């Protein structure tokens, strides 16, 4: 997903201009990255 998102953000920079940061290394108390959000969501799923 991170690879897919990188491709999209390069191809459509304006569309993604207000999107979440991409990587968990960019997280802060006021901003949750795409990577962290995705991981947290998948961890709510059953095995």
ModelCIF file with pLDDT and N, C-alpha, C, O atoms, coordinates in Angstrom:
data_MODEL
#
_entry.id   MODEL 
#
_entity.id                         1 
_entity.type                       polymer 
_entity.pdbx_number_of_molecules   1 
#
_entity_poly.entity_id                      1 
_entity_poly.type                           'polypeptide(L)' 
_entity_poly.nstd_linkage                   no 
_entity_poly.nstd_monomer                   no 
_entity_poly.pdbx_seq_one_letter_code       
;(UNK)(UNK)(UNK)(UNK)(UNK)(UNK)(UNK)(UNK)(UNK)(UNK)(UNK)(UNK)(UNK)(UNK)(UNK)(UNK)
(UNK)(UNK)(UNK)(UNK)(UNK)(UNK)(UNK)(UNK)(UNK)(UNK)(UNK)(UNK)(UNK)(UNK)(UNK)(UNK)
(UNK)(UNK)(UNK)(UNK)(UNK)(UNK)(UNK)(UNK)(UNK)(UNK)(UNK)(UNK)(UNK)(UNK)(UNK)
;
_entity_poly.pdbx_seq_one_letter_code_can   XXXXXXXXXXXXXXXXXXXXXXXXXXXXXXXXXXXXXXXXXXXXXXX 
_entity_poly.pdbx_strand_id                 A 
#
loop_
_entity_poly_seq.entity_id 
_entity_poly_seq.num 
_entity_poly_seq.mon_id 
_entity_poly_seq.hetero 
1 1  UNK n 
1 2  UNK n 
1 3  UNK n 
1 4  UNK n 
1 5  UNK n 
1 6  UNK n 
1 7  UNK n 
1 8  UNK n 
1 9  UNK n 
1 10 UNK n 
1 11 UNK n 
1 12 UNK n 
1 13 UNK n 
1 14 UNK n 
1 15 UNK n 
1 16 UNK n 
1 17 UNK n 
1 18 UNK n 
1 19 UNK n 
1 20 UNK n 
1 21 UNK n 
1 22 UNK n 
1 23 UNK n 
1 24 UNK n 
1 25 UNK n 
1 26 UNK n 
1 27 UNK n 
1 28 UNK n 
1 29 UNK n 
1 30 UNK n 
1 31 UNK n 
1 32 UNK n 
1 33 UNK n 
1 34 UNK n 
1 35 UNK n 
1 36 UNK n 
1 37 UNK n 
1 38 UNK n 
1 39 UNK n 
1 40 UNK n 
1 41 UNK n 
1 42 UNK n 
1 43 UNK n 
1 44 UNK n 
1 45 UNK n 
1 46 UNK n 
1 47 UNK n 
#
_struct_asym.id          A 
_struct_asym.entity_id   1 
#
loop_
_ma_qa_metric.id 
_ma_qa_metric.mode 
_ma_qa_metric.name 
_ma_qa_metric.software_group_id 
_ma_qa_metric.type 
1 global pLDDT . pLDDT 
2 local  pLDDT . pLDDT 
#
_ma_qa_metric_global.metric_id      1 
_ma_qa_metric_global.metric_value   94.77 
_ma_qa_metric_global.model_id       1 
_ma_qa_metric_global.ordinal_id     1 
#
loop_
_ma_qa_metric_local.label_asym_id 
_ma_qa_metric_local.label_comp_id 
_ma_qa_metric_local.label_seq_id 
_ma_qa_metric_local.metric_id 
_ma_qa_metric_local.metric_value 
_ma_qa_metric_local.model_id 
_ma_qa_metric_local.ordinal_id 
A UNK 1  2 97.00 1 1  
A UNK 2  2 98.00 1 2  
A UNK 3  2 97.00 1 3  
A UNK 4  2 98.00 1 4  
A UNK 5  2 97.00 1 5  
A UNK 6  2 96.00 1 6  
A UNK 7  2 96.00 1 7  
A UNK 8  2 97.00 1 8  
A UNK 9  2 96.00 1 9  
A UNK 10 2 96.00 1 10 
A UNK 11 2 97.00 1 11 
A UNK 12 2 97.00 1 12 
A UNK 13 2 96.00 1 13 
A UNK 14 2 97.00 1 14 
A UNK 15 2 96.00 1 15 
A UNK 16 2 95.00 1 16 
A UNK 17 2 93.00 1 17 
A UNK 18 2 90.00 1 18 
A UNK 19 2 92.00 1 19 
A UNK 20 2 93.00 1 20 
A UNK 21 2 94.00 1 21 
A UNK 22 2 95.00 1 22 
A UNK 23 2 95.00 1 23 
A UNK 24 2 93.00 1 24 
A UNK 25 2 92.00 1 25 
A UNK 26 2 93.00 1 26 
A UNK 27 2 88.00 1 27 
A UNK 28 2 88.00 1 28 
A UNK 29 2 86.00 1 29 
A UNK 30 2 85.00 1 30 
A UNK 31 2 89.00 1 31 
A UNK 32 2 93.00 1 32 
A UNK 33 2 95.00 1 33 
A UNK 34 2 96.00 1 34 
A UNK 35 2 96.00 1 35 
A UNK 36 2 95.00 1 36 
A UNK 37 2 95.00 1 37 
A UNK 38 2 96.00 1 38 
A UNK 39 2 97.00 1 39 
A UNK 40 2 96.00 1 40 
A UNK 41 2 97.00 1 41 
A UNK 42 2 98.00 1 42 
A UNK 43 2 97.00 1 43 
A UNK 44 2 97.00 1 44 
A UNK 45 2 98.00 1 45 
A UNK 46 2 98.00 1 46 
A UNK 47 2 98.00 1 47 
#
loop_
_atom_site.group_PDB 
_atom_site.id 
_atom_site.type_symbol 
_atom_site.label_atom_id 
_atom_site.label_alt_id 
_atom_site.label_comp_id 
_atom_site.label_asym_id 
_atom_site.label_entity_id 
_atom_site.label_seq_id 
_atom_site.pdbx_PDB_ins_code 
_atom_site.Cartn_x 
_atom_site.Cartn_y 
_atom_site.Cartn_z 
_atom_site.occupancy 
_atom_site.B_iso_or_equiv 
_atom_site.pdbx_formal_charge 
_atom_site.auth_seq_id 
_atom_site.auth_comp_id 
_atom_site.auth_asym_id 
_atom_site.auth_atom_id 
_atom_site.pdbx_PDB_model_num 
ATOM 1   N N  . UNK A 1 1  ? 0.818   -1.211  0.000   1.00 97.00 ? 1  UNK A N  1 
ATOM 2   C CA . UNK A 1 1  ? 0.000   0.000   0.000   1.00 97.00 ? 1  UNK A CA 1 
ATOM 3   C C  . UNK A 1 1  ? 0.854   1.263   0.000   1.00 97.00 ? 1  UNK A C  1 
ATOM 4   O O  . UNK A 1 1  ? 0.512   2.239   -0.669  1.00 97.00 ? 1  UNK A O  1 
ATOM 5   N N  . UNK A 1 2  ? 1.949   1.258   0.734   1.00 98.00 ? 2  UNK A N  1 
ATOM 6   C CA . UNK A 1 2  ? 2.826   2.430   0.764   1.00 98.00 ? 2  UNK A CA 1 
ATOM 7   C C  . UNK A 1 2  ? 3.414   2.700   -0.616  1.00 98.00 ? 2  UNK A C  1 
ATOM 8   O O  . UNK A 1 2  ? 3.533   3.853   -1.029  1.00 98.00 ? 2  UNK A O  1 
ATOM 9   N N  . UNK A 1 3  ? 3.775   1.653   -1.318  1.00 97.00 ? 3  UNK A N  1 
ATOM 10  C CA . UNK A 1 3  ? 4.289   1.818   -2.681  1.00 97.00 ? 3  UNK A CA 1 
ATOM 11  C C  . UNK A 1 3  ? 3.204   2.355   -3.609  1.00 97.00 ? 3  UNK A C  1 
ATOM 12  O O  . UNK A 1 3  ? 3.460   3.235   -4.432  1.00 97.00 ? 3  UNK A O  1 
ATOM 13  N N  . UNK A 1 4  ? 1.996   1.822   -3.470  1.00 98.00 ? 4  UNK A N  1 
ATOM 14  C CA . UNK A 1 4  ? 0.875   2.316   -4.278  1.00 98.00 ? 4  UNK A CA 1 
ATOM 15  C C  . UNK A 1 4  ? 0.614   3.794   -4.004  1.00 98.00 ? 4  UNK A C  1 
ATOM 16  O O  . UNK A 1 4  ? 0.407   4.581   -4.927  1.00 98.00 ? 4  UNK A O  1 
ATOM 17  N N  . UNK A 1 5  ? 0.628   4.160   -2.715  1.00 97.00 ? 5  UNK A N  1 
ATOM 18  C CA . UNK A 1 5  ? 0.355   5.545   -2.335  1.00 97.00 ? 5  UNK A CA 1 
ATOM 19  C C  . UNK A 1 5  ? 1.432   6.493   -2.846  1.00 97.00 ? 5  UNK A C  1 
ATOM 20  O O  . UNK A 1 5  ? 1.125   7.601   -3.285  1.00 97.00 ? 5  UNK A O  1 
ATOM 21  N N  . UNK A 1 6  ? 2.685   6.069   -2.792  1.00 96.00 ? 6  UNK A N  1 
ATOM 22  C CA . UNK A 1 6  ? 3.776   6.910   -3.302  1.00 96.00 ? 6  UNK A CA 1 
ATOM 23  C C  . UNK A 1 6  ? 3.566   7.222   -4.784  1.00 96.00 ? 6  UNK A C  1 
ATOM 24  O O  . UNK A 1 6  ? 3.755   8.358   -5.219  1.00 96.00 ? 6  UNK A O  1 
ATOM 25  N N  . UNK A 1 7  ? 3.179   6.212   -5.547  1.00 96.00 ? 7  UNK A N  1 
ATOM 26  C CA . UNK A 1 7  ? 2.919   6.394   -6.975  1.00 96.00 ? 7  UNK A CA 1 
ATOM 27  C C  . UNK A 1 7  ? 1.781   7.394   -7.185  1.00 96.00 ? 7  UNK A C  1 
ATOM 28  O O  . UNK A 1 7  ? 1.887   8.295   -8.017  1.00 96.00 ? 7  UNK A O  1 
ATOM 29  N N  . UNK A 1 8  ? 0.700   7.235   -6.433  1.00 97.00 ? 8  UNK A N  1 
ATOM 30  C CA . UNK A 1 8  ? -0.467  8.117   -6.581  1.00 97.00 ? 8  UNK A CA 1 
ATOM 31  C C  . UNK A 1 8  ? -0.142  9.556   -6.222  1.00 97.00 ? 8  UNK A C  1 
ATOM 32  O O  . UNK A 1 8  ? -0.569  10.486  -6.907  1.00 97.00 ? 8  UNK A O  1 
ATOM 33  N N  . UNK A 1 9  ? 0.611   9.737   -5.153  1.00 96.00 ? 9  UNK A N  1 
ATOM 34  C CA . UNK A 1 9  ? 0.921   11.098  -4.697  1.00 96.00 ? 9  UNK A CA 1 
ATOM 35  C C  . UNK A 1 9  ? 1.841   11.830  -5.664  1.00 96.00 ? 9  UNK A C  1 
ATOM 36  O O  . UNK A 1 9  ? 1.797   13.056  -5.769  1.00 96.00 ? 9  UNK A O  1 
ATOM 37  N N  . UNK A 1 10 ? 2.655   11.087  -6.356  1.00 96.00 ? 10 UNK A N  1 
ATOM 38  C CA . UNK A 1 10 ? 3.498   11.689  -7.390  1.00 96.00 ? 10 UNK A CA 1 
ATOM 39  C C  . UNK A 1 10 ? 2.679   12.040  -8.629  1.00 96.00 ? 10 UNK A C  1 
ATOM 40  O O  . UNK A 1 10 ? 2.897   13.078  -9.254  1.00 96.00 ? 10 UNK A O  1 
ATOM 41  N N  . UNK A 1 11 ? 1.736   11.167  -8.977  1.00 97.00 ? 11 UNK A N  1 
ATOM 42  C CA . UNK A 1 11 ? 0.935   11.374  -10.180 1.00 97.00 ? 11 UNK A CA 1 
ATOM 43  C C  . UNK A 1 11 ? -0.144  12.437  -9.998  1.00 97.00 ? 11 UNK A C  1 
ATOM 44  O O  . UNK A 1 11 ? -0.470  13.163  -10.937 1.00 97.00 ? 11 UNK A O  1 
ATOM 45  N N  . UNK A 1 12 ? -0.701  12.528  -8.783  1.00 97.00 ? 12 UNK A N  1 
ATOM 46  C CA . UNK A 1 12 ? -1.796  13.467  -8.521  1.00 97.00 ? 12 UNK A CA 1 
ATOM 47  C C  . UNK A 1 12 ? -1.484  14.309  -7.279  1.00 97.00 ? 12 UNK A C  1 
ATOM 48  O O  . UNK A 1 12 ? -2.168  14.188  -6.263  1.00 97.00 ? 12 UNK A O  1 
ATOM 49  N N  . UNK A 1 13 ? -0.471  15.147  -7.354  1.00 96.00 ? 13 UNK A N  1 
ATOM 50  C CA . UNK A 1 13 ? -0.003  15.877  -6.158  1.00 96.00 ? 13 UNK A CA 1 
ATOM 51  C C  . UNK A 1 13 ? -1.030  16.822  -5.557  1.00 96.00 ? 13 UNK A C  1 
ATOM 52  O O  . UNK A 1 13 ? -1.074  16.978  -4.337  1.00 96.00 ? 13 UNK A O  1 
ATOM 53  N N  . UNK A 1 14 ? -1.854  17.453  -6.375  1.00 97.00 ? 14 UNK A N  1 
ATOM 54  C CA . UNK A 1 14 ? -2.842  18.396  -5.833  1.00 97.00 ? 14 UNK A CA 1 
ATOM 55  C C  . UNK A 1 14 ? -3.967  17.659  -5.117  1.00 97.00 ? 14 UNK A C  1 
ATOM 56  O O  . UNK A 1 14 ? -4.447  18.102  -4.073  1.00 97.00 ? 14 UNK A O  1 
ATOM 57  N N  . UNK A 1 15 ? -4.374  16.553  -5.676  1.00 96.00 ? 15 UNK A N  1 
ATOM 58  C CA . UNK A 1 15 ? -5.447  15.760  -5.073  1.00 96.00 ? 15 UNK A CA 1 
ATOM 59  C C  . UNK A 1 15 ? -5.054  15.276  -3.681  1.00 96.00 ? 15 UNK A C  1 
ATOM 60  O O  . UNK A 1 15 ? -5.903  15.152  -2.798  1.00 96.00 ? 15 UNK A O  1 
ATOM 61  N N  . UNK A 1 16 ? -3.764  15.004  -3.487  1.00 95.00 ? 16 UNK A N  1 
ATOM 62  C CA . UNK A 1 16 ? -3.290  14.477  -2.206  1.00 95.00 ? 16 UNK A CA 1 
ATOM 63  C C  . UNK A 1 16 ? -2.605  15.537  -1.341  1.00 95.00 ? 16 UNK A C  1 
ATOM 64  O O  . UNK A 1 16 ? -1.930  15.211  -0.365  1.00 95.00 ? 16 UNK A O  1 
ATOM 65  N N  . UNK A 1 17 ? -2.786  16.810  -1.710  1.00 93.00 ? 17 UNK A N  1 
ATOM 66  C CA . UNK A 1 17 ? -2.070  17.880  -1.009  1.00 93.00 ? 17 UNK A CA 1 
ATOM 67  C C  . UNK A 1 17 ? -2.461  18.020  0.457   1.00 93.00 ? 17 UNK A C  1 
ATOM 68  O O  . UNK A 1 17 ? -1.670  18.504  1.267   1.00 93.00 ? 17 UNK A O  1 
ATOM 69  N N  . UNK A 1 18 ? -3.670  17.601  0.801   1.00 90.00 ? 18 UNK A N  1 
ATOM 70  C CA . UNK A 1 18 ? -4.113  17.682  2.201   1.00 90.00 ? 18 UNK A CA 1 
ATOM 71  C C  . UNK A 1 18 ? -4.250  16.305  2.857   1.00 90.00 ? 18 UNK A C  1 
ATOM 72  O O  . UNK A 1 18 ? -4.918  16.154  3.880   1.00 90.00 ? 18 UNK A O  1 
ATOM 73  N N  . UNK A 1 19 ? -3.612  15.319  2.256   1.00 92.00 ? 19 UNK A N  1 
ATOM 74  C CA . UNK A 1 19 ? -3.719  13.953  2.786   1.00 92.00 ? 19 UNK A CA 1 
ATOM 75  C C  . UNK A 1 19 ? -2.843  13.760  4.018   1.00 92.00 ? 19 UNK A C  1 
ATOM 76  O O  . UNK A 1 19 ? -1.991  14.588  4.340   1.00 92.00 ? 19 UNK A O  1 
ATOM 77  N N  . UNK A 1 20 ? -3.079  12.650  4.688   1.00 93.00 ? 20 UNK A N  1 
ATOM 78  C CA . UNK A 1 20 ? -2.233  12.289  5.820   1.00 93.00 ? 20 UNK A CA 1 
ATOM 79  C C  . UNK A 1 20 ? -0.781  12.166  5.369   1.00 93.00 ? 20 UNK A C  1 
ATOM 80  O O  . UNK A 1 20 ? -0.527  11.866  4.203   1.00 93.00 ? 20 UNK A O  1 
ATOM 81  N N  . UNK A 1 21 ? 0.188   12.395  6.278   1.00 94.00 ? 21 UNK A N  1 
ATOM 82  C CA . UNK A 1 21 ? 1.570   12.035  5.958   1.00 94.00 ? 21 UNK A CA 1 
ATOM 83  C C  . UNK A 1 21 ? 1.613   10.551  5.618   1.00 94.00 ? 21 UNK A C  1 
ATOM 84  O O  . UNK A 1 21 ? 0.739   9.794   6.039   1.00 94.00 ? 21 UNK A O  1 
ATOM 85  N N  . UNK A 1 22 ? 2.609   10.136  4.872   1.00 95.00 ? 22 UNK A N  1 
ATOM 86  C CA . UNK A 1 22 ? 2.637   8.760   4.402   1.00 95.00 ? 22 UNK A CA 1 
ATOM 87  C C  . UNK A 1 22 ? 3.177   7.780   5.437   1.00 95.00 ? 22 UNK A C  1 
ATOM 88  O O  . UNK A 1 22 ? 2.607   6.706   5.627   1.00 95.00 ? 22 UNK A O  1 
ATOM 89  N N  . UNK A 1 23 ? 4.275   8.138   6.109   1.00 95.00 ? 23 UNK A N  1 
ATOM 90  C CA . UNK A 1 23 ? 4.993   7.175   6.949   1.00 95.00 ? 23 UNK A CA 1 
ATOM 91  C C  . UNK A 1 23 ? 4.812   7.413   8.448   1.00 95.00 ? 23 UNK A C  1 
ATOM 92  O O  . UNK A 1 23 ? 4.590   8.538   8.896   1.00 95.00 ? 23 UNK A O  1 
ATOM 93  N N  . UNK A 1 24 ? 4.912   6.322   9.208   1.00 93.00 ? 24 UNK A N  1 
ATOM 94  C CA . UNK A 1 24 ? 4.782   6.397   10.667  1.00 93.00 ? 24 UNK A CA 1 
ATOM 95  C C  . UNK A 1 24 ? 5.841   7.309   11.288  1.00 93.00 ? 24 UNK A C  1 
ATOM 96  O O  . UNK A 1 24 ? 5.619   7.882   12.354  1.00 93.00 ? 24 UNK A O  1 
ATOM 97  N N  . UNK A 1 25 ? 6.974   7.442   10.632  1.00 92.00 ? 25 UNK A N  1 
ATOM 98  C CA . UNK A 1 25 ? 8.036   8.316   11.137  1.00 92.00 ? 25 UNK A CA 1 
ATOM 99  C C  . UNK A 1 25 ? 7.598   9.778   11.142  1.00 92.00 ? 25 UNK A C  1 
ATOM 100 O O  . UNK A 1 25 ? 8.239   10.612  11.782  1.00 92.00 ? 25 UNK A O  1 
ATOM 101 N N  . UNK A 1 26 ? 6.514   10.098  10.436  1.00 93.00 ? 26 UNK A N  1 
ATOM 102 C CA . UNK A 1 26 ? 5.996   11.472  10.361  1.00 93.00 ? 26 UNK A CA 1 
ATOM 103 C C  . UNK A 1 26 ? 4.846   11.714  11.335  1.00 93.00 ? 26 UNK A C  1 
ATOM 104 O O  . UNK A 1 26 ? 4.249   12.790  11.328  1.00 93.00 ? 26 UNK A O  1 
ATOM 105 N N  . UNK A 1 27 ? 4.530   10.730  12.171  1.00 88.00 ? 27 UNK A N  1 
ATOM 106 C CA . UNK A 1 27 ? 3.424   10.879  13.121  1.00 88.00 ? 27 UNK A CA 1 
ATOM 107 C C  . UNK A 1 27 ? 3.722   11.948  14.166  1.00 88.00 ? 27 UNK A C  1 
ATOM 108 O O  . UNK A 1 27 ? 4.876   12.220  14.496  1.00 88.00 ? 27 UNK A O  1 
ATOM 109 N N  . UNK A 1 28 ? 2.660   12.537  14.672  1.00 88.00 ? 28 UNK A N  1 
ATOM 110 C CA . UNK A 1 28 ? 2.755   13.486  15.782  1.00 88.00 ? 28 UNK A CA 1 
ATOM 111 C C  . UNK A 1 28 ? 1.445   13.416  16.555  1.00 88.00 ? 28 UNK A C  1 
ATOM 112 O O  . UNK A 1 28 ? 0.491   12.804  16.074  1.00 88.00 ? 28 UNK A O  1 
ATOM 113 N N  . UNK A 1 29 ? 1.367   14.022  17.736  1.00 86.00 ? 29 UNK A N  1 
ATOM 114 C CA . UNK A 1 29 ? 0.103   13.997  18.492  1.00 86.00 ? 29 UNK A CA 1 
ATOM 115 C C  . UNK A 1 29 ? -1.080  14.557  17.718  1.00 86.00 ? 29 UNK A C  1 
ATOM 116 O O  . UNK A 1 29 ? -2.226  14.212  18.003  1.00 86.00 ? 29 UNK A O  1 
ATOM 117 N N  . UNK A 1 30 ? -0.815  15.417  16.743  1.00 85.00 ? 30 UNK A N  1 
ATOM 118 C CA . UNK A 1 30 ? -1.920  16.035  15.989  1.00 85.00 ? 30 UNK A CA 1 
ATOM 119 C C  . UNK A 1 30 ? -2.064  15.483  14.574  1.00 85.00 ? 30 UNK A C  1 
ATOM 120 O O  . UNK A 1 30 ? -2.936  15.923  13.825  1.00 85.00 ? 30 UNK A O  1 
ATOM 121 N N  . UNK A 1 31 ? -1.217  14.522  14.200  1.00 89.00 ? 31 UNK A N  1 
ATOM 122 C CA . UNK A 1 31 ? -1.250  14.021  12.825  1.00 89.00 ? 31 UNK A CA 1 
ATOM 123 C C  . UNK A 1 31 ? -0.894  12.538  12.780  1.00 89.00 ? 31 UNK A C  1 
ATOM 124 O O  . UNK A 1 31 ? 0.172   12.128  13.240  1.00 89.00 ? 31 UNK A O  1 
ATOM 125 N N  . UNK A 1 32 ? -1.804  11.741  12.216  1.00 93.00 ? 32 UNK A N  1 
ATOM 126 C CA . UNK A 1 32 ? -1.596  10.301  12.085  1.00 93.00 ? 32 UNK A CA 1 
ATOM 127 C C  . UNK A 1 32 ? -1.321  9.948   10.637  1.00 93.00 ? 32 UNK A C  1 
ATOM 128 O O  . UNK A 1 32 ? -2.097  10.309  9.752   1.00 93.00 ? 32 UNK A O  1 
ATOM 129 N N  . UNK A 1 33 ? -0.230  9.251   10.387  1.00 95.00 ? 33 UNK A N  1 
ATOM 130 C CA . UNK A 1 33 ? 0.158   8.915   9.018   1.00 95.00 ? 33 UNK A CA 1 
ATOM 131 C C  . UNK A 1 33 ? -0.735  7.841   8.418   1.00 95.00 ? 33 UNK A C  1 
ATOM 132 O O  . UNK A 1 33 ? -1.454  7.131   9.120   1.00 95.00 ? 33 UNK A O  1 
ATOM 133 N N  . UNK A 1 34 ? -0.664  7.748   7.106   1.00 96.00 ? 34 UNK A N  1 
ATOM 134 C CA . UNK A 1 34 ? -1.352  6.680   6.378   1.00 96.00 ? 34 UNK A CA 1 
ATOM 135 C C  . UNK A 1 34 ? -0.888  5.309   6.872   1.00 96.00 ? 34 UNK A C  1 
ATOM 136 O O  . UNK A 1 34 ? -1.705  4.415   7.088   1.00 96.00 ? 34 UNK A O  1 
ATOM 137 N N  . UNK A 1 35 ? 0.419   5.148   7.048   1.00 96.00 ? 35 UNK A N  1 
ATOM 138 C CA . UNK A 1 35 ? 0.972   3.864   7.484   1.00 96.00 ? 35 UNK A CA 1 
ATOM 139 C C  . UNK A 1 35 ? 0.426   3.457   8.845   1.00 96.00 ? 35 UNK A C  1 
ATOM 140 O O  . UNK A 1 35 ? 0.015   2.312   9.033   1.00 96.00 ? 35 UNK A O  1 
ATOM 141 N N  . UNK A 1 36 ? 0.421   4.379   9.787   1.00 95.00 ? 36 UNK A N  1 
ATOM 142 C CA . UNK A 1 36 ? -0.064  4.076   11.141  1.00 95.00 ? 36 UNK A CA 1 
ATOM 143 C C  . UNK A 1 36 ? -1.556  3.782   11.145  1.00 95.00 ? 36 UNK A C  1 
ATOM 144 O O  . UNK A 1 36 ? -2.012  2.856   11.816  1.00 95.00 ? 36 UNK A O  1 
ATOM 145 N N  . UNK A 1 37 ? -2.317  4.577   10.390  1.00 95.00 ? 37 UNK A N  1 
ATOM 146 C CA . UNK A 1 37 ? -3.763  4.355   10.300  1.00 95.00 ? 37 UNK A CA 1 
ATOM 147 C C  . UNK A 1 37 ? -4.051  2.976   9.724   1.00 95.00 ? 37 UNK A C  1 
ATOM 148 O O  . UNK A 1 37 ? -4.891  2.239   10.242  1.00 95.00 ? 37 UNK A O  1 
ATOM 149 N N  . UNK A 1 38 ? -3.348  2.633   8.647   1.00 96.00 ? 38 UNK A N  1 
ATOM 150 C CA . UNK A 1 38 ? -3.574  1.352   7.979   1.00 96.00 ? 38 UNK A CA 1 
ATOM 151 C C  . UNK A 1 38 ? -3.235  0.179   8.899   1.00 96.00 ? 38 UNK A C  1 
ATOM 152 O O  . UNK A 1 38 ? -3.977  -0.800  8.973   1.00 96.00 ? 38 UNK A O  1 
ATOM 153 N N  . UNK A 1 39 ? -2.115  0.290   9.590   1.00 97.00 ? 39 UNK A N  1 
ATOM 154 C CA . UNK A 1 39 ? -1.703  -0.790  10.488  1.00 97.00 ? 39 UNK A CA 1 
ATOM 155 C C  . UNK A 1 39 ? -2.711  -0.957  11.634  1.00 97.00 ? 39 UNK A C  1 
ATOM 156 O O  . UNK A 1 39 ? -3.083  -2.076  11.985  1.00 97.00 ? 39 UNK A O  1 
ATOM 157 N N  . UNK A 1 40 ? -3.140  0.159   12.202  1.00 96.00 ? 40 UNK A N  1 
ATOM 158 C CA . UNK A 1 40 ? -4.101  0.106   13.308  1.00 96.00 ? 40 UNK A CA 1 
ATOM 159 C C  . UNK A 1 40 ? -5.415  -0.525  12.865  1.00 96.00 ? 40 UNK A C  1 
ATOM 160 O O  . UNK A 1 40 ? -6.017  -1.311  13.597  1.00 96.00 ? 40 UNK A O  1 
ATOM 161 N N  . UNK A 1 41 ? -5.852  -0.174  11.659  1.00 97.00 ? 41 UNK A N  1 
ATOM 162 C CA . UNK A 1 41 ? -7.099  -0.756  11.158  1.00 97.00 ? 41 UNK A CA 1 
ATOM 163 C C  . UNK A 1 41 ? -6.974  -2.260  10.950  1.00 97.00 ? 41 UNK A C  1 
ATOM 164 O O  . UNK A 1 41 ? -7.839  -3.023  11.379  1.00 97.00 ? 41 UNK A O  1 
ATOM 165 N N  . UNK A 1 42 ? -5.902  -2.685  10.294  1.00 98.00 ? 42 UNK A N  1 
ATOM 166 C CA . UNK A 1 42 ? -5.737  -4.113  10.019  1.00 98.00 ? 42 UNK A CA 1 
ATOM 167 C C  . UNK A 1 42 ? -5.617  -4.922  11.304  1.00 98.00 ? 42 UNK A C  1 
ATOM 168 O O  . UNK A 1 42 ? -6.024  -6.083  11.350  1.00 98.00 ? 42 UNK A O  1 
ATOM 169 N N  . UNK A 1 43 ? -5.065  -4.319  12.337  1.00 97.00 ? 43 UNK A N  1 
ATOM 170 C CA . UNK A 1 43 ? -4.928  -5.027  13.617  1.00 97.00 ? 43 UNK A CA 1 
ATOM 171 C C  . UNK A 1 43 ? -6.269  -5.228  14.325  1.00 97.00 ? 43 UNK A C  1 
ATOM 172 O O  . UNK A 1 43 ? -6.345  -5.990  15.289  1.00 97.00 ? 43 UNK A O  1 
ATOM 173 N N  . UNK A 1 44 ? -7.322  -4.559  13.864  1.00 97.00 ? 44 UNK A N  1 
ATOM 174 C CA . UNK A 1 44 ? -8.648  -4.820  14.444  1.00 97.00 ? 44 UNK A CA 1 
ATOM 175 C C  . UNK A 1 44 ? -9.309  -6.022  13.779  1.00 97.00 ? 44 UNK A C  1 
ATOM 176 O O  . UNK A 1 44 ? -10.312 -6.531  14.278  1.00 97.00 ? 44 UNK A O  1 
ATOM 177 N N  . UNK A 1 45 ? -8.755  -6.480  12.653  1.00 98.00 ? 45 UNK A N  1 
ATOM 178 C CA . UNK A 1 45 ? -9.311  -7.633  11.948  1.00 98.00 ? 45 UNK A CA 1 
ATOM 179 C C  . UNK A 1 45 ? -8.931  -8.924  12.649  1.00 98.00 ? 45 UNK A C  1 
ATOM 180 O O  . UNK A 1 45 ? -7.929  -8.978  13.362  1.00 98.00 ? 45 UNK A O  1 
ATOM 181 N N  . UNK A 1 46 ? -9.723  -9.953  12.449  1.00 98.00 ? 46 UNK A N  1 
ATOM 182 C CA . UNK A 1 46 ? -9.384  -11.288 12.960  1.00 98.00 ? 46 UNK A CA 1 
ATOM 183 C C  . UNK A 1 46 ? -8.232  -11.856 12.135  1.00 98.00 ? 46 UNK A C  1 
ATOM 184 O O  . UNK A 1 46 ? -7.990  -11.384 11.024  1.00 98.00 ? 46 UNK A O  1 
ATOM 185 N N  . UNK A 1 47 ? -7.512  -12.859 12.649  1.00 98.00 ? 47 UNK A N  1 
ATOM 186 C CA . UNK A 1 47 ? -6.442  -13.495 11.871  1.00 98.00 ? 47 UNK A CA 1 
ATOM 187 C C  . UNK A 1 47 ? -6.910  -13.978 10.502  1.00 98.00 ? 47 UNK A C  1 
ATOM 188 O O  . UNK A 1 47 ? -6.118  -14.532 9.739   1.00 98.00 ? 47 UNK A O  1 
#
